[in-house]
Amino acid sequence: MKPPASPASMLVATVPAIEGRPVQWYLGIVSGEAIAAGERRRGVTCESGARAIDLRDARDTAIFEMLREAAERGANAVVGVDLCYASIHLSRDGAALMVTVSGTAVRV
């Protein structure tokens, strides 16, 4: 058995399989979350404890968290990846955008 991949070297696909790389093991659903906020919320910590950052950074952070979880399970790829964006209310400071990403951790 090969050692687990690092998040930086992991394959990520929105499709259910990677052509030419058959799945050896399915290791379960993995996910990551991050919050992107407008200018007046950037750089502060939200009530949930998540740090408010810009949208691209939030997407990348959510993906990295998902890949970190996959690596902990021994995966070297995540397939069927789905990104979701949802507006959330942050008390009197307005709204923010929560980015969630999920997929299936696999060994190919």
N, C-alpha and C. Protein backbone atom coordinates (compact mmCIF):
# COMPACT_ATOMS: atom_id res chain seq x y z
N MET A 1 0.84 -1.18 0.00
CA MET A 1 0.00 0.00 0.00
C MET A 1 0.89 1.25 0.00
N LYS A 2 0.56 2.19 -0.87
CA LYS A 2 1.31 3.44 -0.95
C LYS A 2 0.97 4.35 0.23
N PRO A 3 1.91 5.23 0.62
CA PRO A 3 1.59 6.18 1.69
C PRO A 3 0.53 7.17 1.22
N PRO A 4 -0.22 7.77 2.14
CA PRO A 4 -1.26 8.71 1.73
C PRO A 4 -0.66 9.91 1.00
N ALA A 5 -1.42 10.44 0.07
CA ALA A 5 -0.99 11.62 -0.68
C ALA A 5 -1.15 12.87 0.18
N SER A 6 -0.35 13.88 -0.12
CA SER A 6 -0.55 15.17 0.55
C SER A 6 -1.67 15.89 -0.19
N PRO A 7 -2.38 16.82 0.47
CA PRO A 7 -3.45 17.54 -0.21
C PRO A 7 -2.99 18.22 -1.50
N ALA A 8 -1.76 18.68 -1.54
CA ALA A 8 -1.27 19.39 -2.72
C ALA A 8 -1.10 18.48 -3.93
N SER A 9 -0.88 17.19 -3.72
CA SER A 9 -0.64 16.28 -4.84
C SER A 9 -1.85 15.42 -5.18
N MET A 10 -2.99 15.69 -4.58
CA MET A 10 -4.16 14.86 -4.77
C MET A 10 -4.92 15.23 -6.05
N LEU A 11 -5.47 14.22 -6.73
CA LEU A 11 -6.31 14.44 -7.90
C LEU A 11 -7.70 14.85 -7.43
N VAL A 12 -8.30 15.81 -8.13
CA VAL A 12 -9.64 16.29 -7.80
C VAL A 12 -10.45 16.33 -9.09
N ALA A 13 -11.66 15.74 -9.06
CA ALA A 13 -12.49 15.72 -10.26
C ALA A 13 -13.96 15.90 -9.89
N THR A 14 -14.67 16.64 -10.72
CA THR A 14 -16.11 16.81 -10.51
C THR A 14 -16.89 15.63 -11.08
N VAL A 15 -16.24 14.80 -11.86
CA VAL A 15 -16.86 13.61 -12.44
C VAL A 15 -16.71 12.43 -11.49
N PRO A 16 -17.51 11.37 -11.66
CA PRO A 16 -17.47 10.26 -10.71
C PRO A 16 -16.27 9.32 -10.84
N ALA A 17 -15.48 9.46 -11.91
CA ALA A 17 -14.32 8.59 -12.11
C ALA A 17 -13.27 9.35 -12.90
N ILE A 18 -12.01 8.92 -12.76
CA ILE A 18 -10.91 9.53 -13.50
C ILE A 18 -10.50 8.54 -14.58
N GLU A 19 -10.63 8.95 -15.83
CA GLU A 19 -10.35 8.06 -16.96
C GLU A 19 -8.95 7.45 -16.86
N GLY A 20 -8.89 6.14 -17.02
CA GLY A 20 -7.61 5.43 -16.97
C GLY A 20 -7.10 5.17 -15.57
N ARG A 21 -7.83 5.58 -14.55
CA ARG A 21 -7.41 5.39 -13.15
C ARG A 21 -8.58 4.75 -12.38
N PRO A 22 -8.75 3.44 -12.47
CA PRO A 22 -9.88 2.79 -11.78
C PRO A 22 -9.79 2.95 -10.26
N VAL A 23 -10.93 3.10 -9.63
CA VAL A 23 -10.99 3.25 -8.18
C VAL A 23 -10.71 1.90 -7.53
N GLN A 24 -9.74 1.88 -6.62
CA GLN A 24 -9.41 0.67 -5.86
C GLN A 24 -10.25 0.59 -4.58
N TRP A 25 -10.38 1.74 -3.89
CA TRP A 25 -11.13 1.80 -2.64
C TRP A 25 -11.91 3.10 -2.56
N TYR A 26 -13.14 2.99 -2.08
CA TYR A 26 -13.94 4.15 -1.75
C TYR A 26 -13.79 4.40 -0.26
N LEU A 27 -13.40 5.60 0.12
CA LEU A 27 -13.07 5.89 1.51
C LEU A 27 -14.05 6.84 2.20
N GLY A 28 -15.15 7.14 1.54
CA GLY A 28 -16.20 7.93 2.17
C GLY A 28 -16.28 9.37 1.69
N ILE A 29 -17.32 10.03 2.14
CA ILE A 29 -17.57 11.43 1.78
C ILE A 29 -16.67 12.33 2.61
N VAL A 30 -16.09 13.33 1.95
CA VAL A 30 -15.26 14.32 2.63
C VAL A 30 -15.79 15.70 2.26
N SER A 31 -15.55 16.69 3.14
CA SER A 31 -16.06 18.03 2.87
C SER A 31 -15.16 19.09 3.47
N GLY A 32 -15.38 20.31 3.04
CA GLY A 32 -14.68 21.47 3.58
C GLY A 32 -15.57 22.68 3.50
N GLU A 33 -15.37 23.63 4.39
CA GLU A 33 -16.19 24.84 4.43
C GLU A 33 -15.30 26.06 4.68
N ALA A 34 -15.78 27.20 4.19
CA ALA A 34 -15.12 28.48 4.45
C ALA A 34 -16.15 29.58 4.24
N ILE A 35 -15.86 30.76 4.78
CA ILE A 35 -16.77 31.89 4.67
C ILE A 35 -16.09 33.04 3.95
N ALA A 36 -16.78 33.58 2.94
CA ALA A 36 -16.32 34.77 2.24
C ALA A 36 -17.25 35.91 2.61
N ALA A 37 -16.69 37.07 2.91
CA ALA A 37 -17.51 38.19 3.36
C ALA A 37 -17.18 39.45 2.58
N GLY A 38 -18.07 40.42 2.68
CA GLY A 38 -17.87 41.72 2.04
C GLY A 38 -16.76 42.50 2.73
N GLU A 39 -16.44 43.65 2.19
CA GLU A 39 -15.33 44.48 2.68
C GLU A 39 -15.40 44.76 4.17
N ARG A 40 -16.58 45.07 4.69
CA ARG A 40 -16.63 45.46 6.09
C ARG A 40 -16.47 44.29 7.05
N ARG A 41 -16.54 43.04 6.55
CA ARG A 41 -16.36 41.87 7.41
C ARG A 41 -15.01 41.19 7.18
N ARG A 42 -14.29 41.57 6.14
CA ARG A 42 -13.04 40.88 5.79
C ARG A 42 -12.03 41.01 6.93
N GLY A 43 -11.38 39.90 7.25
CA GLY A 43 -10.33 39.91 8.26
C GLY A 43 -10.81 39.77 9.69
N VAL A 44 -12.11 39.57 9.89
CA VAL A 44 -12.61 39.38 11.24
C VAL A 44 -13.09 37.95 11.40
N THR A 45 -13.25 37.54 12.64
CA THR A 45 -13.72 36.18 12.91
C THR A 45 -15.22 36.21 13.14
N CYS A 46 -15.93 35.33 12.45
CA CYS A 46 -17.38 35.25 12.55
C CYS A 46 -17.75 34.47 13.81
N GLU A 47 -19.03 34.52 14.19
CA GLU A 47 -19.50 33.84 15.39
C GLU A 47 -19.20 32.35 15.36
N SER A 48 -19.20 31.75 14.16
CA SER A 48 -18.94 30.31 14.03
C SER A 48 -17.48 29.97 14.27
N GLY A 49 -16.61 30.99 14.32
CA GLY A 49 -15.19 30.76 14.47
C GLY A 49 -14.46 30.74 13.15
N ALA A 50 -15.20 30.71 12.03
CA ALA A 50 -14.57 30.71 10.71
C ALA A 50 -14.09 32.12 10.38
N ARG A 51 -12.96 32.23 9.74
CA ARG A 51 -12.39 33.53 9.40
C ARG A 51 -12.96 34.01 8.08
N ALA A 52 -13.40 35.27 8.02
CA ALA A 52 -13.98 35.84 6.81
C ALA A 52 -12.86 36.24 5.85
N ILE A 53 -12.92 35.73 4.62
CA ILE A 53 -11.92 36.00 3.60
C ILE A 53 -12.60 36.23 2.25
N ASP A 54 -11.85 36.59 1.20
CA ASP A 54 -12.51 36.85 -0.07
C ASP A 54 -12.97 35.54 -0.73
N LEU A 55 -13.80 35.64 -1.76
CA LEU A 55 -14.48 34.49 -2.35
C LEU A 55 -13.51 33.46 -2.91
N ARG A 56 -12.51 33.89 -3.66
CA ARG A 56 -11.56 32.93 -4.23
C ARG A 56 -10.78 32.22 -3.12
N ASP A 57 -10.35 32.97 -2.12
CA ASP A 57 -9.65 32.36 -0.99
C ASP A 57 -10.57 31.39 -0.24
N ALA A 58 -11.84 31.75 -0.11
CA ALA A 58 -12.80 30.88 0.57
C ALA A 58 -12.97 29.57 -0.19
N ARG A 59 -13.08 29.66 -1.51
CA ARG A 59 -13.21 28.44 -2.32
C ARG A 59 -11.97 27.56 -2.16
N ASP A 60 -10.79 28.17 -2.29
CA ASP A 60 -9.54 27.42 -2.18
C ASP A 60 -9.37 26.81 -0.78
N THR A 61 -9.77 27.56 0.25
CA THR A 61 -9.69 27.06 1.62
C THR A 61 -10.62 25.87 1.81
N ALA A 62 -11.84 25.97 1.31
CA ALA A 62 -12.80 24.86 1.44
C ALA A 62 -12.28 23.61 0.72
N ILE A 63 -11.72 23.78 -0.47
CA ILE A 63 -11.17 22.64 -1.21
C ILE A 63 -9.99 22.03 -0.45
N PHE A 64 -9.10 22.88 0.07
CA PHE A 64 -7.94 22.37 0.81
C PHE A 64 -8.40 21.58 2.04
N GLU A 65 -9.40 22.08 2.77
CA GLU A 65 -9.90 21.37 3.94
C GLU A 65 -10.48 20.00 3.55
N MET A 66 -11.19 19.94 2.42
CA MET A 66 -11.72 18.67 1.95
C MET A 66 -10.58 17.71 1.62
N LEU A 67 -9.54 18.21 0.93
CA LEU A 67 -8.41 17.37 0.56
C LEU A 67 -7.62 16.91 1.78
N ARG A 68 -7.53 17.75 2.79
CA ARG A 68 -6.85 17.36 4.03
C ARG A 68 -7.57 16.19 4.70
N GLU A 69 -8.89 16.28 4.73
CA GLU A 69 -9.68 15.18 5.30
C GLU A 69 -9.50 13.90 4.48
N ALA A 70 -9.48 14.04 3.15
CA ALA A 70 -9.28 12.88 2.28
C ALA A 70 -7.91 12.25 2.52
N ALA A 71 -6.88 13.08 2.65
CA ALA A 71 -5.53 12.57 2.90
C ALA A 71 -5.47 11.82 4.22
N GLU A 72 -6.17 12.31 5.23
CA GLU A 72 -6.21 11.64 6.54
C GLU A 72 -6.81 10.25 6.43
N ARG A 73 -7.69 10.04 5.46
CA ARG A 73 -8.32 8.74 5.24
C ARG A 73 -7.48 7.83 4.34
N GLY A 74 -6.37 8.35 3.81
CA GLY A 74 -5.51 7.55 2.94
C GLY A 74 -5.84 7.66 1.47
N ALA A 75 -6.63 8.64 1.09
CA ALA A 75 -7.02 8.82 -0.31
C ALA A 75 -5.90 9.49 -1.11
N ASN A 76 -5.91 9.27 -2.41
CA ASN A 76 -5.02 10.01 -3.29
C ASN A 76 -5.81 10.74 -4.37
N ALA A 77 -7.16 10.73 -4.22
CA ALA A 77 -8.02 11.46 -5.15
C ALA A 77 -9.38 11.70 -4.49
N VAL A 78 -10.08 12.70 -5.00
CA VAL A 78 -11.46 12.95 -4.59
C VAL A 78 -12.27 13.11 -5.88
N VAL A 79 -13.32 12.32 -6.01
CA VAL A 79 -14.16 12.36 -7.21
C VAL A 79 -15.56 12.83 -6.85
N GLY A 80 -16.32 13.23 -7.87
CA GLY A 80 -17.68 13.69 -7.65
C GLY A 80 -17.75 14.97 -6.83
N VAL A 81 -16.75 15.83 -6.99
CA VAL A 81 -16.67 17.05 -6.19
C VAL A 81 -17.76 18.03 -6.60
N ASP A 82 -18.41 18.63 -5.59
CA ASP A 82 -19.47 19.60 -5.81
C ASP A 82 -19.21 20.82 -4.93
N LEU A 83 -19.26 22.00 -5.54
CA LEU A 83 -19.11 23.27 -4.81
C LEU A 83 -20.48 23.89 -4.62
N CYS A 84 -20.75 24.41 -3.42
CA CYS A 84 -22.00 25.09 -3.14
C CYS A 84 -21.71 26.42 -2.47
N TYR A 85 -22.52 27.40 -2.79
CA TYR A 85 -22.41 28.74 -2.19
C TYR A 85 -23.74 29.08 -1.56
N ALA A 86 -23.72 29.57 -0.33
CA ALA A 86 -24.95 29.94 0.36
C ALA A 86 -24.76 31.24 1.12
N SER A 87 -25.75 32.11 1.04
CA SER A 87 -25.72 33.35 1.78
C SER A 87 -26.13 33.07 3.22
N ILE A 88 -25.36 33.64 4.16
CA ILE A 88 -25.70 33.45 5.58
C ILE A 88 -25.76 34.82 6.26
N HIS A 89 -26.62 34.93 7.24
CA HIS A 89 -26.80 36.16 7.99
C HIS A 89 -25.79 36.21 9.13
N LEU A 90 -25.07 37.34 9.27
CA LEU A 90 -24.06 37.50 10.32
C LEU A 90 -24.46 38.62 11.27
N SER A 91 -25.52 38.44 12.02
CA SER A 91 -26.03 39.42 12.98
C SER A 91 -26.17 40.79 12.35
N ARG A 92 -25.78 41.84 13.04
CA ARG A 92 -25.99 43.21 12.55
C ARG A 92 -25.00 43.61 11.45
N ASP A 93 -23.96 42.81 11.24
CA ASP A 93 -22.93 43.15 10.26
C ASP A 93 -23.27 42.73 8.84
N GLY A 94 -24.48 42.28 8.59
CA GLY A 94 -24.89 41.93 7.25
C GLY A 94 -24.74 40.45 6.95
N ALA A 95 -24.54 40.16 5.66
CA ALA A 95 -24.48 38.77 5.20
C ALA A 95 -23.09 38.43 4.72
N ALA A 96 -22.85 37.15 4.61
CA ALA A 96 -21.59 36.63 4.07
C ALA A 96 -21.95 35.45 3.17
N LEU A 97 -20.98 34.95 2.47
CA LEU A 97 -21.18 33.82 1.59
C LEU A 97 -20.40 32.63 2.14
N MET A 98 -21.10 31.52 2.39
CA MET A 98 -20.44 30.32 2.86
C MET A 98 -20.19 29.42 1.66
N VAL A 99 -18.96 28.93 1.55
CA VAL A 99 -18.58 28.03 0.47
C VAL A 99 -18.41 26.64 1.08
N THR A 100 -19.12 25.67 0.53
CA THR A 100 -18.95 24.29 0.97
C THR A 100 -18.58 23.45 -0.24
N VAL A 101 -17.74 22.47 -0.02
CA VAL A 101 -17.31 21.57 -1.08
C VAL A 101 -17.33 20.16 -0.52
N SER A 102 -17.78 19.21 -1.32
CA SER A 102 -17.79 17.82 -0.86
C SER A 102 -17.53 16.90 -2.03
N GLY A 103 -17.09 15.70 -1.72
CA GLY A 103 -16.82 14.71 -2.74
C GLY A 103 -16.56 13.36 -2.08
N THR A 104 -16.19 12.39 -2.87
CA THR A 104 -15.90 11.05 -2.37
C THR A 104 -14.40 10.81 -2.40
N ALA A 105 -13.83 10.53 -1.24
CA ALA A 105 -12.40 10.23 -1.15
C ALA A 105 -12.19 8.80 -1.69
N VAL A 106 -11.20 8.65 -2.57
CA VAL A 106 -10.93 7.35 -3.18
C VAL A 106 -9.42 7.10 -3.24
N ARG A 107 -9.09 5.86 -3.44
CA ARG A 107 -7.72 5.43 -3.74
C ARG A 107 -7.75 4.90 -5.16
N VAL A 108 -7.00 5.54 -6.06
CA VAL A 108 -6.95 5.09 -7.46
C VAL A 108 -5.60 4.49 -7.76
